[in-house]
Amino acid sequence: ALLDDEEGAAGKAKGKAGVAEAMHHLGHAHLKKGAIAQGVRSLRGALAVRRELHEGKPHKHVVASLMAVGSACRRTGATDRALAAYNEALAMGRELRGGRHPQVEPGPGAA
C-alpha cells in the first residue's frame, strides 16, 4: 500500500507538471494570437502550478514561467509587474546557477 501511495504522489506531480507545461504553451499561443489578457492569465496559472509543484523552491521551470509572465506583462504596459517578475527570475537564476554564471551576472553599468 505504501508503494502505491508513493506512485500515486509521483503520478500527481507528473500530472501537475504536464498541466503547468500545457498552460505555459497555451499562454504563449494566446499571446501570439493577440489575446494578451488570456495569455497573461494562462502564464500566471502555469507559474502558480509550478510554484506549488516545486514547493516554493527555486526551479528552472519557475524561472521560465516568471520570464514569460514578465514578457506578457511588458506587452500589456504593466511595467512594474514585468520588472517584478524579471527581478524574481534573475534572483532565482542566480540562486540556482550561482552569481558567477555568465547568464546571470549583472551587465556593464548594472547596479
PDB file of N, CA and C in Angstrom:
ATOM      1  N   ALA A   1       0.820  -1.196   0.000  1.00  0.00           N
ATOM      2  CA  ALA A   1       0.000   0.000   0.000  1.00  0.00           C
ATOM      3  C   ALA A   1       0.868   1.267   0.000  1.00  0.00           C
ATOM      4  N   LEU A   2       1.985   1.248   0.738  1.00  0.00           N
ATOM      5  CA  LEU A   2       2.854   2.412   0.786  1.00  0.00           C
ATOM      6  C   LEU A   2       3.428   2.716  -0.591  1.00  0.00           C
ATOM      7  N   LEU A   3       3.858   1.667  -1.308  1.00  0.00           N
ATOM      8  CA  LEU A   3       4.398   1.844  -2.640  1.00  0.00           C
ATOM      9  C   LEU A   3       3.345   2.451  -3.565  1.00  0.00           C
ATOM     10  N   ASP A   4       2.123   2.000  -3.445  1.00  0.00           N
ATOM     11  CA  ASP A   4       1.040   2.563  -4.257  1.00  0.00           C
ATOM     12  C   ASP A   4       0.872   4.047  -3.977  1.00  0.00           C
ATOM     13  N   ASP A   5       0.979   4.422  -2.697  1.00  0.00           N
ATOM     14  CA  ASP A   5       0.849   5.833  -2.331  1.00  0.00           C
ATOM     15  C   ASP A   5       1.974   6.662  -2.941  1.00  0.00           C
ATOM     16  N   GLU A   6       3.202   6.112  -2.919  1.00  0.00           N
ATOM     17  CA  GLU A   6       4.335   6.838  -3.496  1.00  0.00           C
ATOM     18  C   GLU A   6       4.158   6.988  -4.997  1.00  0.00           C
ATOM     19  N   GLU A   7       3.724   5.927  -5.655  1.00  0.00           N
ATOM     20  CA  GLU A   7       3.483   6.015  -7.091  1.00  0.00           C
ATOM     21  C   GLU A   7       2.357   7.002  -7.371  1.00  0.00           C
ATOM     22  N   GLY A   8       1.382   7.025  -6.496  1.00  0.00           N
ATOM     23  CA  GLY A   8       0.280   7.967  -6.658  1.00  0.00           C
ATOM     24  C   GLY A   8       0.752   9.397  -6.536  1.00  0.00           C
ATOM     25  N   ALA A   9       1.626   9.679  -5.567  1.00  0.00           N
ATOM     26  CA  ALA A   9       2.159  11.032  -5.399  1.00  0.00           C
ATOM     27  C   ALA A   9       3.022  11.424  -6.587  1.00  0.00           C
ATOM     28  N   ALA A  10       3.845  10.494  -7.073  1.00  0.00           N
ATOM     29  CA  ALA A  10       4.682  10.784  -8.239  1.00  0.00           C
ATOM     30  C   ALA A  10       3.812  11.024  -9.463  1.00  0.00           C
ATOM     31  N   GLY A  11       2.759  10.250  -9.583  1.00  0.00           N
ATOM     32  CA  GLY A  11       1.838  10.428 -10.702  1.00  0.00           C
ATOM     33  C   GLY A  11       1.140  11.768 -10.656  1.00  0.00           C
ATOM     34  N   LYS A  12       0.759  12.201  -9.461  1.00  0.00           N
ATOM     35  CA  LYS A  12       0.120  13.512  -9.308  1.00  0.00           C
ATOM     36  C   LYS A  12       1.075  14.634  -9.659  1.00  0.00           C
ATOM     37  N   ALA A  13       2.330  14.507  -9.221  1.00  0.00           N
ATOM     38  CA  ALA A  13       3.336  15.525  -9.531  1.00  0.00           C
ATOM     39  C   ALA A  13       3.564  15.599 -11.033  1.00  0.00           C
ATOM     40  N   LYS A  14       3.653  14.444 -11.670  1.00  0.00           N
ATOM     41  CA  LYS A  14       3.852  14.417 -13.124  1.00  0.00           C
ATOM     42  C   LYS A  14       2.652  15.041 -13.827  1.00  0.00           C
ATOM     43  N   GLY A  15       1.464  14.759 -13.321  1.00  0.00           N
ATOM     44  CA  GLY A  15       0.250  15.343 -13.895  1.00  0.00           C
ATOM     45  C   GLY A  15       0.238  16.858 -13.753  1.00  0.00           C
ATOM     46  N   LYS A  16       0.641  17.356 -12.577  1.00  0.00           N
ATOM     47  CA  LYS A  16       0.707  18.806 -12.362  1.00  0.00           C
ATOM     48  C   LYS A  16       1.731  19.445 -13.281  1.00  0.00           C
ATOM     49  N   ALA A  17       2.860  18.762 -13.460  1.00  0.00           N
ATOM     50  CA  ALA A  17       3.893  19.297 -14.351  1.00  0.00           C
ATOM     51  C   ALA A  17       3.363  19.398 -15.774  1.00  0.00           C
ATOM     52  N   GLY A  18       2.603  18.407 -16.195  1.00  0.00           N
ATOM     53  CA  GLY A  18       2.005  18.425 -17.531  1.00  0.00           C
ATOM     54  C   GLY A  18       0.991  19.542 -17.689  1.00  0.00           C
ATOM     55  N   VAL A  19       0.196  19.746 -16.659  1.00  0.00           N
ATOM     56  CA  VAL A  19      -0.789  20.838 -16.682  1.00  0.00           C
ATOM     57  C   VAL A  19      -0.073  22.181 -16.774  1.00  0.00           C
ATOM     58  N   ALA A  20       0.967  22.357 -15.973  1.00  0.00           N
ATOM     59  CA  ALA A  20       1.718  23.611 -15.987  1.00  0.00           C
ATOM     60  C   ALA A  20       2.334  23.862 -17.357  1.00  0.00           C
ATOM     61  N   GLU A  21       2.897  22.820 -17.952  1.00  0.00           N
ATOM     62  CA  GLU A  21       3.511  22.983 -19.268  1.00  0.00           C
ATOM     63  C   GLU A  21       2.457  23.337 -20.316  1.00  0.00           C
ATOM     64  N   ALA A  22       1.313  22.679 -20.249  1.00  0.00           N
ATOM     65  CA  ALA A  22       0.238  22.987 -21.199  1.00  0.00           C
ATOM     66  C   ALA A  22      -0.235  24.429 -21.036  1.00  0.00           C
ATOM     67  N   MET A  23      -0.390  24.866 -19.797  1.00  0.00           N
ATOM     68  CA  MET A  23      -0.825  26.256 -19.546  1.00  0.00           C
ATOM     69  C   MET A  23       0.223  27.243 -20.055  1.00  0.00           C
ATOM     70  N   HIS A  24       1.491  26.910 -19.869  1.00  0.00           N
ATOM     71  CA  HIS A  24       2.585  27.765 -20.327  1.00  0.00           C
ATOM     72  C   HIS A  24       2.522  27.933 -21.853  1.00  0.00           C
ATOM     73  N   HIS A  25       2.386  26.808 -22.569  1.00  0.00           N
ATOM     74  CA  HIS A  25       2.322  26.859 -24.028  1.00  0.00           C
ATOM     75  C   HIS A  25       1.033  27.523 -24.506  1.00  0.00           C
ATOM     76  N   LEU A  26      -0.052  27.273 -23.813  1.00  0.00           N
ATOM     77  CA  LEU A  26      -1.316  27.921 -24.151  1.00  0.00           C
ATOM     78  C   LEU A  26      -1.189  29.432 -24.009  1.00  0.00           C
ATOM     79  N   GLY A  27      -0.527  29.871 -22.953  1.00  0.00           N
ATOM     80  CA  GLY A  27      -0.313  31.306 -22.758  1.00  0.00           C
ATOM     81  C   GLY A  27       0.448  31.922 -23.910  1.00  0.00           C
ATOM     82  N   HIS A  28       1.511  31.243 -24.349  1.00  0.00           N
ATOM     83  CA  HIS A  28       2.290  31.753 -25.477  1.00  0.00           C
ATOM     84  C   HIS A  28       1.456  31.779 -26.762  1.00  0.00           C
ATOM     85  N   ALA A  29       0.620  30.773 -26.954  1.00  0.00           N
ATOM     86  CA  ALA A  29      -0.239  30.743 -28.142  1.00  0.00           C
ATOM     87  C   ALA A  29      -1.229  31.906 -28.120  1.00  0.00           C
ATOM     88  N   HIS A  30      -1.812  32.172 -26.962  1.00  0.00           N
ATOM     89  CA  HIS A  30      -2.727  33.314 -26.842  1.00  0.00           C
ATOM     90  C   HIS A  30      -2.000  34.620 -27.165  1.00  0.00           C
ATOM     91  N   LEU A  31      -0.795  34.773 -26.639  1.00  0.00           N
ATOM     92  CA  LEU A  31      -0.025  35.989 -26.906  1.00  0.00           C
ATOM     93  C   LEU A  31       0.243  36.147 -28.396  1.00  0.00           C
ATOM     94  N   LYS A  32       0.640  35.055 -29.044  1.00  0.00           N
ATOM     95  CA  LYS A  32       0.933  35.102 -30.480  1.00  0.00           C
ATOM     96  C   LYS A  32      -0.318  35.478 -31.277  1.00  0.00           C
ATOM     97  N   LYS A  33      -1.461  35.009 -30.802  1.00  0.00           N
ATOM     98  CA  LYS A  33      -2.735  35.296 -31.465  1.00  0.00           C
ATOM     99  C   LYS A  33      -3.205  36.724 -31.201  1.00  0.00           C
ATOM    100  N   GLY A  34      -2.618  37.374 -30.189  1.00  0.00           N
ATOM    101  CA  GLY A  34      -3.022  38.731 -29.841  1.00  0.00           C
ATOM    102  C   GLY A  34      -3.996  38.802 -28.687  1.00  0.00           C
ATOM    103  N   ALA A  35      -4.318  37.646 -28.106  1.00  0.00           N
ATOM    104  CA  ALA A  35      -5.219  37.592 -26.953  1.00  0.00           C
ATOM    105  C   ALA A  35      -4.369  37.745 -25.695  1.00  0.00           C
ATOM    106  N   ILE A  36      -3.909  38.971 -25.469  1.00  0.00           N
ATOM    107  CA  ILE A  36      -2.918  39.229 -24.422  1.00  0.00           C
ATOM    108  C   ILE A  36      -3.447  38.892 -23.034  1.00  0.00           C
ATOM    109  N   ALA A  37      -4.655  39.327 -22.712  1.00  0.00           N
ATOM    110  CA  ALA A  37      -5.210  39.081 -21.374  1.00  0.00           C
ATOM    111  C   ALA A  37      -5.314  37.585 -21.096  1.00  0.00           C
ATOM    112  N   GLN A  38      -5.759  36.817 -22.087  1.00  0.00           N
ATOM    113  CA  GLN A  38      -5.847  35.370 -21.911  1.00  0.00           C
ATOM    114  C   GLN A  38      -4.456  34.763 -21.750  1.00  0.00           C
ATOM    115  N   GLY A  39      -3.500  35.274 -22.509  1.00  0.00           N
ATOM    116  CA  GLY A  39      -2.135  34.786 -22.404  1.00  0.00           C
ATOM    117  C   GLY A  39      -1.559  35.019 -21.021  1.00  0.00           C
ATOM    118  N   VAL A  40      -1.767  36.225 -20.501  1.00  0.00           N
ATOM    119  CA  VAL A  40      -1.270  36.552 -19.162  1.00  0.00           C
ATOM    120  C   VAL A  40      -1.905  35.623 -18.128  1.00  0.00           C
ATOM    121  N   ARG A  41      -3.215  35.406 -18.238  1.00  0.00           N
ATOM    122  CA  ARG A  41      -3.900  34.519 -17.279  1.00  0.00           C
ATOM    123  C   ARG A  41      -3.323  33.102 -17.328  1.00  0.00           C
ATOM    124  N   SER A  42      -3.118  32.582 -18.528  1.00  0.00           N
ATOM    125  CA  SER A  42      -2.578  31.222 -18.654  1.00  0.00           C
ATOM    126  C   SER A  42      -1.163  31.135 -18.106  1.00  0.00           C
ATOM    127  N   LEU A  43      -0.344  32.132 -18.403  1.00  0.00           N
ATOM    128  CA  LEU A  43       1.035  32.122 -17.918  1.00  0.00           C
ATOM    129  C   LEU A  43       1.099  32.263 -16.404  1.00  0.00           C
ATOM    130  N   ARG A  44       0.241  33.104 -15.842  1.00  0.00           N
ATOM    131  CA  ARG A  44       0.197  33.220 -14.373  1.00  0.00           C
ATOM    132  C   ARG A  44      -0.281  31.925 -13.743  1.00  0.00           C
ATOM    133  N   GLY A  45      -1.234  31.258 -14.403  1.00  0.00           N
ATOM    134  CA  GLY A  45      -1.704  29.965 -13.906  1.00  0.00           C
ATOM    135  C   GLY A  45      -0.591  28.929 -13.916  1.00  0.00           C
ATOM    136  N   ALA A  46       0.180  28.909 -15.008  1.00  0.00           N
ATOM    137  CA  ALA A  46       1.315  27.979 -15.095  1.00  0.00           C
ATOM    138  C   ALA A  46       2.321  28.264 -13.987  1.00  0.00           C
ATOM    139  N   LEU A  47       2.580  29.542 -13.751  1.00  0.00           N
ATOM    140  CA  LEU A  47       3.517  29.926 -12.689  1.00  0.00           C
ATOM    141  C   LEU A  47       3.017  29.443 -11.336  1.00  0.00           C
ATOM    142  N   ALA A  48       1.748  29.617 -11.059  1.00  0.00           N
ATOM    143  CA  ALA A  48       1.189  29.191  -9.770  1.00  0.00           C
ATOM    144  C   ALA A  48       1.315  27.681  -9.584  1.00  0.00           C
ATOM    145  N   VAL A  49       1.022  26.927 -10.639  1.00  0.00           N
ATOM    146  CA  VAL A  49       1.124  25.462 -10.550  1.00  0.00           C
ATOM    147  C   VAL A  49       2.581  25.053 -10.349  1.00  0.00           C
ATOM    148  N   ARG A  50       3.485  25.700 -11.065  1.00  0.00           N
ATOM    149  CA  ARG A  50       4.903  25.357 -10.923  1.00  0.00           C
ATOM    150  C   ARG A  50       5.435  25.717  -9.539  1.00  0.00           C
ATOM    151  N   ARG A  51       5.006  26.839  -8.999  1.00  0.00           N
ATOM    152  CA  ARG A  51       5.430  27.189  -7.629  1.00  0.00           C
ATOM    153  C   ARG A  51       4.950  26.127  -6.646  1.00  0.00           C
ATOM    154  N   GLU A  52       3.696  25.713  -6.799  1.00  0.00           N
ATOM    155  CA  GLU A  52       3.131  24.688  -5.915  1.00  0.00           C
ATOM    156  C   GLU A  52       3.874  23.365  -6.085  1.00  0.00           C
ATOM    157  N   LEU A  53       4.116  22.984  -7.320  1.00  0.00           N
ATOM    158  CA  LEU A  53       4.781  21.724  -7.615  1.00  0.00           C
ATOM    159  C   LEU A  53       6.175  21.671  -6.996  1.00  0.00           C
ATOM    160  N   HIS A  54       6.878  22.783  -7.034  1.00  0.00           N
ATOM    161  CA  HIS A  54       8.246  22.822  -6.505  1.00  0.00           C
ATOM    162  C   HIS A  54       8.306  23.385  -5.086  1.00  0.00           C
ATOM    163  N   GLU A  55       7.144  23.469  -4.461  1.00  0.00           N
ATOM    164  CA  GLU A  55       7.012  23.847  -3.051  1.00  0.00           C
ATOM    165  C   GLU A  55       7.700  25.165  -2.732  1.00  0.00           C
ATOM    166  N   GLY A  56       7.617  26.116  -3.662  1.00  0.00           N
ATOM    167  CA  GLY A  56       8.179  27.437  -3.430  1.00  0.00           C
ATOM    168  C   GLY A  56       9.693  27.511  -3.546  1.00  0.00           C
ATOM    169  N   LYS A  57      10.319  26.401  -3.904  1.00  0.00           N
ATOM    170  CA  LYS A  57      11.776  26.370  -4.024  1.00  0.00           C
ATOM    171  C   LYS A  57      12.180  26.773  -5.441  1.00  0.00           C
ATOM    172  N   PRO A  58      13.383  27.312  -5.598  1.00  0.00           N
ATOM    173  CA  PRO A  58      13.855  27.689  -6.931  1.00  0.00           C
ATOM    174  C   PRO A  58      13.901  26.488  -7.876  1.00  0.00           C
ATOM    175  N   HIS A  59      13.476  26.715  -9.113  1.00  0.00           N
ATOM    176  CA  HIS A  59      13.499  25.669 -10.136  1.00  0.00           C
ATOM    177  C   HIS A  59      13.514  26.343 -11.498  1.00  0.00           C
ATOM    178  N   LYS A  60      14.178  25.718 -12.457  1.00  0.00           N
ATOM    179  CA  LYS A  60      14.302  26.319 -13.781  1.00  0.00           C
ATOM    180  C   LYS A  60      12.950  26.541 -14.462  1.00  0.00           C
ATOM    181  N   HIS A  61      11.966  25.702 -14.191  1.00  0.00           N
ATOM    182  CA  HIS A  61      10.649  25.900 -14.800  1.00  0.00           C
ATOM    183  C   HIS A  61       9.921  27.093 -14.179  1.00  0.00           C
ATOM    184  N   VAL A  62      10.163  27.356 -12.907  1.00  0.00           N
ATOM    185  CA  VAL A  62       9.596  28.547 -12.275  1.00  0.00           C
ATOM    186  C   VAL A  62      10.244  29.789 -12.889  1.00  0.00           C
ATOM    187  N   VAL A  63      11.549  29.732 -13.114  1.00  0.00           N
ATOM    188  CA  VAL A  63      12.243  30.848 -13.768  1.00  0.00           C
ATOM    189  C   VAL A  63      11.651  31.094 -15.151  1.00  0.00           C
ATOM    190  N   ALA A  64      11.436  30.030 -15.915  1.00  0.00           N
ATOM    191  CA  ALA A  64      10.862  30.173 -17.262  1.00  0.00           C
ATOM    192  C   ALA A  64       9.484  30.814 -17.201  1.00  0.00           C
ATOM    193  N   SER A  65       8.675  30.402 -16.233  1.00  0.00           N
ATOM    194  CA  SER A  65       7.344  30.990 -16.098  1.00  0.00           C
ATOM    195  C   SER A  65       7.414  32.454 -15.684  1.00  0.00           C
ATOM    196  N   LEU A  66       8.322  32.777 -14.780  1.00  0.00           N
ATOM    197  CA  LEU A  66       8.490  34.178 -14.378  1.00  0.00           C
ATOM    198  C   LEU A  66       8.901  35.043 -15.571  1.00  0.00           C
ATOM    199  N   MET A  67       9.807  34.552 -16.389  1.00  0.00           N
ATOM    200  CA  MET A  67      10.231  35.304 -17.569  1.00  0.00           C
ATOM    201  C   MET A  67       9.069  35.492 -18.540  1.00  0.00           C
ATOM    202  N   ALA A  68       8.271  34.447 -18.730  1.00  0.00           N
ATOM    203  CA  ALA A  68       7.130  34.538 -19.637  1.00  0.00           C
ATOM    204  C   ALA A  68       6.092  35.521 -19.108  1.00  0.00           C
ATOM    205  N   VAL A  69       5.821  35.480 -17.803  1.00  0.00           N
ATOM    206  CA  VAL A  69       4.883  36.429 -17.198  1.00  0.00           C
ATOM    207  C   VAL A  69       5.419  37.847 -17.341  1.00  0.00           C
ATOM    208  N   GLY A  70       6.707  38.026 -17.106  1.00  0.00           N
ATOM    209  CA  GLY A  70       7.309  39.347 -17.264  1.00  0.00           C
ATOM    210  C   GLY A  70       7.138  39.881 -18.675  1.00  0.00           C
ATOM    211  N   SER A  71       7.407  39.051 -19.655  1.00  0.00           N
ATOM    212  CA  SER A  71       7.268  39.466 -21.056  1.00  0.00           C
ATOM    213  C   SER A  71       5.820  39.809 -21.394  1.00  0.00           C
ATOM    214  N   ALA A  72       4.903  38.992 -20.908  1.00  0.00           N
ATOM    215  CA  ALA A  72       3.481  39.247 -21.178  1.00  0.00           C
ATOM    216  C   ALA A  72       3.026  40.539 -20.506  1.00  0.00           C
ATOM    217  N   CYS A  73       3.455  40.747 -19.276  1.00  0.00           N
ATOM    218  CA  CYS A  73       3.088  41.978 -18.567  1.00  0.00           C
ATOM    219  C   CYS A  73       3.665  43.199 -19.272  1.00  0.00           C
ATOM    220  N   ARG A  74       4.874  43.071 -19.763  1.00  0.00           N
ATOM    221  CA  ARG A  74       5.505  44.174 -20.503  1.00  0.00           C
ATOM    222  C   ARG A  74       4.673  44.522 -21.733  1.00  0.00           C
ATOM    223  N   ARG A  75       4.145  43.507 -22.395  1.00  0.00           N
ATOM    224  CA  ARG A  75       3.318  43.739 -23.592  1.00  0.00           C
ATOM    225  C   ARG A  75       2.018  44.470 -23.260  1.00  0.00           C
ATOM    226  N   THR A  76       1.539  44.283 -22.037  1.00  0.00           N
ATOM    227  CA  THR A  76       0.294  44.964 -21.648  1.00  0.00           C
ATOM    228  C   THR A  76       0.555  46.365 -21.128  1.00  0.00           C
ATOM    229  N   GLY A  77       1.824  46.711 -20.946  1.00  0.00           N
ATOM    230  CA  GLY A  77       2.168  48.014 -20.384  1.00  0.00           C
ATOM    231  C   GLY A  77       2.291  47.999 -18.877  1.00  0.00           C
ATOM    232  N   ALA A  78       2.144  46.829 -18.267  1.00  0.00           N
ATOM    233  CA  ALA A  78       2.264  46.691 -16.810  1.00  0.00           C
ATOM    234  C   ALA A  78       3.745  46.556 -16.460  1.00  0.00           C
ATOM    235  N   THR A  79       4.476  47.641 -16.639  1.00  0.00           N
ATOM    236  CA  THR A  79       5.925  47.627 -16.492  1.00  0.00           C
ATOM    237  C   THR A  79       6.367  47.234 -15.090  1.00  0.00           C
ATOM    238  N   ASP A  80       5.693  47.725 -14.067  1.00  0.00           N
ATOM    239  CA  ASP A  80       6.081  47.384 -12.692  1.00  0.00           C
ATOM    240  C   ASP A  80       5.945  45.886 -12.442  1.00  0.00           C
ATOM    241  N   ARG A  81       4.869  45.286 -12.940  1.00  0.00           N
ATOM    242  CA  ARG A  81       4.691  43.833 -12.776  1.00  0.00           C
ATOM    243  C   ARG A  81       5.737  43.067 -13.570  1.00  0.00           C
ATOM    244  N   ALA A  82       6.035  43.566 -14.769  1.00  0.00           N
ATOM    245  CA  ALA A  82       7.074  42.924 -15.590  1.00  0.00           C
ATOM    246  C   ALA A  82       8.414  42.962 -14.870  1.00  0.00           C
ATOM    247  N   LEU A  83       8.775  44.132 -14.348  1.00  0.00           N
ATOM    248  CA  LEU A  83      10.044  44.261 -13.633  1.00  0.00           C
ATOM    249  C   LEU A  83      10.097  43.347 -12.415  1.00  0.00           C
ATOM    250  N   ALA A  84       8.998  43.243 -11.688  1.00  0.00           N
ATOM    251  CA  ALA A  84       8.964  42.371 -10.510  1.00  0.00           C
ATOM    252  C   ALA A  84       9.205  40.916 -10.918  1.00  0.00           C
ATOM    253  N   ALA A  85       8.557  40.481 -12.002  1.00  0.00           N
ATOM    254  CA  ALA A  85       8.728  39.100 -12.465  1.00  0.00           C
ATOM    255  C   ALA A  85      10.153  38.867 -12.950  1.00  0.00           C
ATOM    256  N   TYR A  86      10.687  39.814 -13.733  1.00  0.00           N
ATOM    257  CA  TYR A  86      12.060  39.677 -14.228  1.00  0.00           C
ATOM    258  C   TYR A  86      13.067  39.655 -13.083  1.00  0.00           C
ATOM    259  N   ASN A  87      12.897  40.529 -12.114  1.00  0.00           N
ATOM    260  CA  ASN A  87      13.822  40.568 -10.970  1.00  0.00           C
ATOM    261  C   ASN A  87      13.775  39.284 -10.157  1.00  0.00           C
ATOM    262  N   GLU A  88      12.570  38.748  -9.966  1.00  0.00           N
ATOM    263  CA  GLU A  88      12.459  37.482  -9.237  1.00  0.00           C
ATOM    264  C   GLU A  88      13.113  36.347 -10.024  1.00  0.00           C
ATOM    265  N   ALA A  89      12.904  36.341 -11.346  1.00  0.00           N
ATOM    266  CA  ALA A  89      13.532  35.315 -12.185  1.00  0.00           C
ATOM    267  C   ALA A  89      15.047  35.418 -12.120  1.00  0.00           C
ATOM    268  N   LEU A  90      15.569  36.631 -12.162  1.00  0.00           N
ATOM    269  CA  LEU A  90      17.014  36.830 -12.100  1.00  0.00           C
ATOM    270  C   LEU A  90      17.573  36.356 -10.760  1.00  0.00           C
ATOM    271  N   ALA A  91      16.904  36.726  -9.676  1.00  0.00           N
ATOM    272  CA  ALA A  91      17.357  36.301  -8.345  1.00  0.00           C
ATOM    273  C   ALA A  91      17.329  34.781  -8.224  1.00  0.00           C
ATOM    274  N   MET A  92      16.273  34.159  -8.748  1.00  0.00           N
ATOM    275  CA  MET A  92      16.162  32.706  -8.675  1.00  0.00           C
ATOM    276  C   MET A  92      17.230  32.050  -9.556  1.00  0.00           C
ATOM    277  N   GLY A  93      17.480  32.627 -10.715  1.00  0.00           N
ATOM    278  CA  GLY A  93      18.532  32.103 -11.588  1.00  0.00           C
ATOM    279  C   GLY A  93      19.890  32.168 -10.930  1.00  0.00           C
ATOM    280  N   ARG A  94      20.148  33.274 -10.244  1.00  0.00           N
ATOM    281  CA  ARG A  94      21.410  33.397  -9.514  1.00  0.00           C
ATOM    282  C   ARG A  94      21.517  32.337  -8.422  1.00  0.00           C
ATOM    283  N   GLU A  95      20.408  32.109  -7.745  1.00  0.00           N
ATOM    284  CA  GLU A  95      20.412  31.113  -6.677  1.00  0.00           C
ATOM    285  C   GLU A  95      20.641  29.710  -7.245  1.00  0.00           C
ATOM    286  N   LEU A  96      20.044  29.436  -8.391  1.00  0.00           N
ATOM    287  CA  LEU A  96      20.178  28.111  -8.993  1.00  0.00           C
ATOM    288  C   LEU A  96      21.557  27.867  -9.594  1.00  0.00           C
ATOM    289  N   ARG A  97      22.116  28.870 -10.245  1.00  0.00           N
ATOM    290  CA  ARG A  97      23.345  28.675 -11.006  1.00  0.00           C
ATOM    291  C   ARG A  97      24.556  29.361 -10.406  1.00  0.00           C
ATOM    292  N   GLY A  98      24.341  30.227  -9.476  1.00  0.00           N
ATOM    293  CA  GLY A  98      25.454  30.950  -8.873  1.00  0.00           C
ATOM    294  C   GLY A  98      25.694  32.279  -9.557  1.00  0.00           C
ATOM    295  N   GLY A  99      26.106  33.266  -8.784  1.00  0.00           N
ATOM    296  CA  GLY A  99      26.277  34.618  -9.285  1.00  0.00           C
ATOM    297  C   GLY A  99      27.355  34.777 -10.325  1.00  0.00           C
ATOM    298  N   ARG A 100      28.286  33.827 -10.428  1.00  0.00           N
ATOM    299  CA  ARG A 100      29.377  33.962 -11.398  1.00  0.00           C
ATOM    300  C   ARG A 100      29.016  33.417 -12.765  1.00  0.00           C
ATOM    301  N   HIS A 101      27.854  32.808 -12.898  1.00  0.00           N
ATOM    302  CA  HIS A 101      27.445  32.259 -14.192  1.00  0.00           C
ATOM    303  C   HIS A 101      27.230  33.403 -15.176  1.00  0.00           C
ATOM    304  N   PRO A 102      27.781  33.319 -16.394  1.00  0.00           N
ATOM    305  CA  PRO A 102      27.690  34.443 -17.328  1.00  0.00           C
ATOM    306  C   PRO A 102      26.270  34.841 -17.689  1.00  0.00           C
ATOM    307  N   GLN A 103      25.335  33.933 -17.603  1.00  0.00           N
ATOM    308  CA  GLN A 103      23.964  34.277 -17.953  1.00  0.00           C
ATOM    309  C   GLN A 103      23.231  34.984 -16.824  1.00  0.00           C
ATOM    310  N   VAL A 104      23.816  35.047 -15.645  1.00  0.00           N
ATOM    311  CA  VAL A 104      23.132  35.711 -14.534  1.00  0.00           C
ATOM    312  C   VAL A 104      23.973  36.812 -13.907  1.00  0.00           C
ATOM    313  N   GLU A 105      25.122  37.110 -14.486  1.00  0.00           N
ATOM    314  CA  GLU A 105      25.935  38.221 -13.971  1.00  0.00           C
ATOM    315  C   GLU A 105      25.330  39.533 -14.424  1.00  0.00           C
ATOM    316  N   PRO A 106      25.421  40.556 -13.578  1.00  0.00           N
ATOM    317  CA  PRO A 106      24.954  41.884 -13.999  1.00  0.00           C
ATOM    318  C   PRO A 106      25.769  42.361 -15.187  1.00  0.00           C
ATOM    319  N   GLY A 107      25.103  43.040 -16.099  1.00  0.00           N
ATOM    320  CA  GLY A 107      25.789  43.580 -17.269  1.00  0.00           C
ATOM    321  C   GLY A 107      26.559  44.839 -16.911  1.00  0.00           C
ATOM    322  N   PRO A 108      27.295  45.392 -17.884  1.00  0.00           N
ATOM    323  CA  PRO A 108      28.052  46.620 -17.649  1.00  0.00           C
ATOM    324  C   PRO A 108      27.124  47.746 -17.205  1.00  0.00           C
ATOM    325  N   GLY A 109      27.543  48.455 -16.191  1.00  0.00           N
ATOM    326  CA  GLY A 109      26.754  49.583 -15.696  1.00  0.00           C
ATOM    327  C   GLY A 109      25.601  49.203 -14.794  1.00  0.00           C
ATOM    328  N   ALA A 110      25.402  47.908 -14.555  1.00  0.00           N
ATOM    329  CA  ALA A 110      24.302  47.462 -13.676  1.00  0.00           C
ATOM    330  C   ALA A 110      24.665  47.773 -12.235  1.00  0.00           C
ATOM    331  N   ALA A 111      23.659  48.127 -11.464  1.00  0.00           N
ATOM    332  CA  ALA A 111      23.890  48.453 -10.047  1.00  0.00           C
ATOM    333  C   ALA A 111      23.958  47.204  -9.211  1.00  0.00           C
TER     334      ALA A 111
END
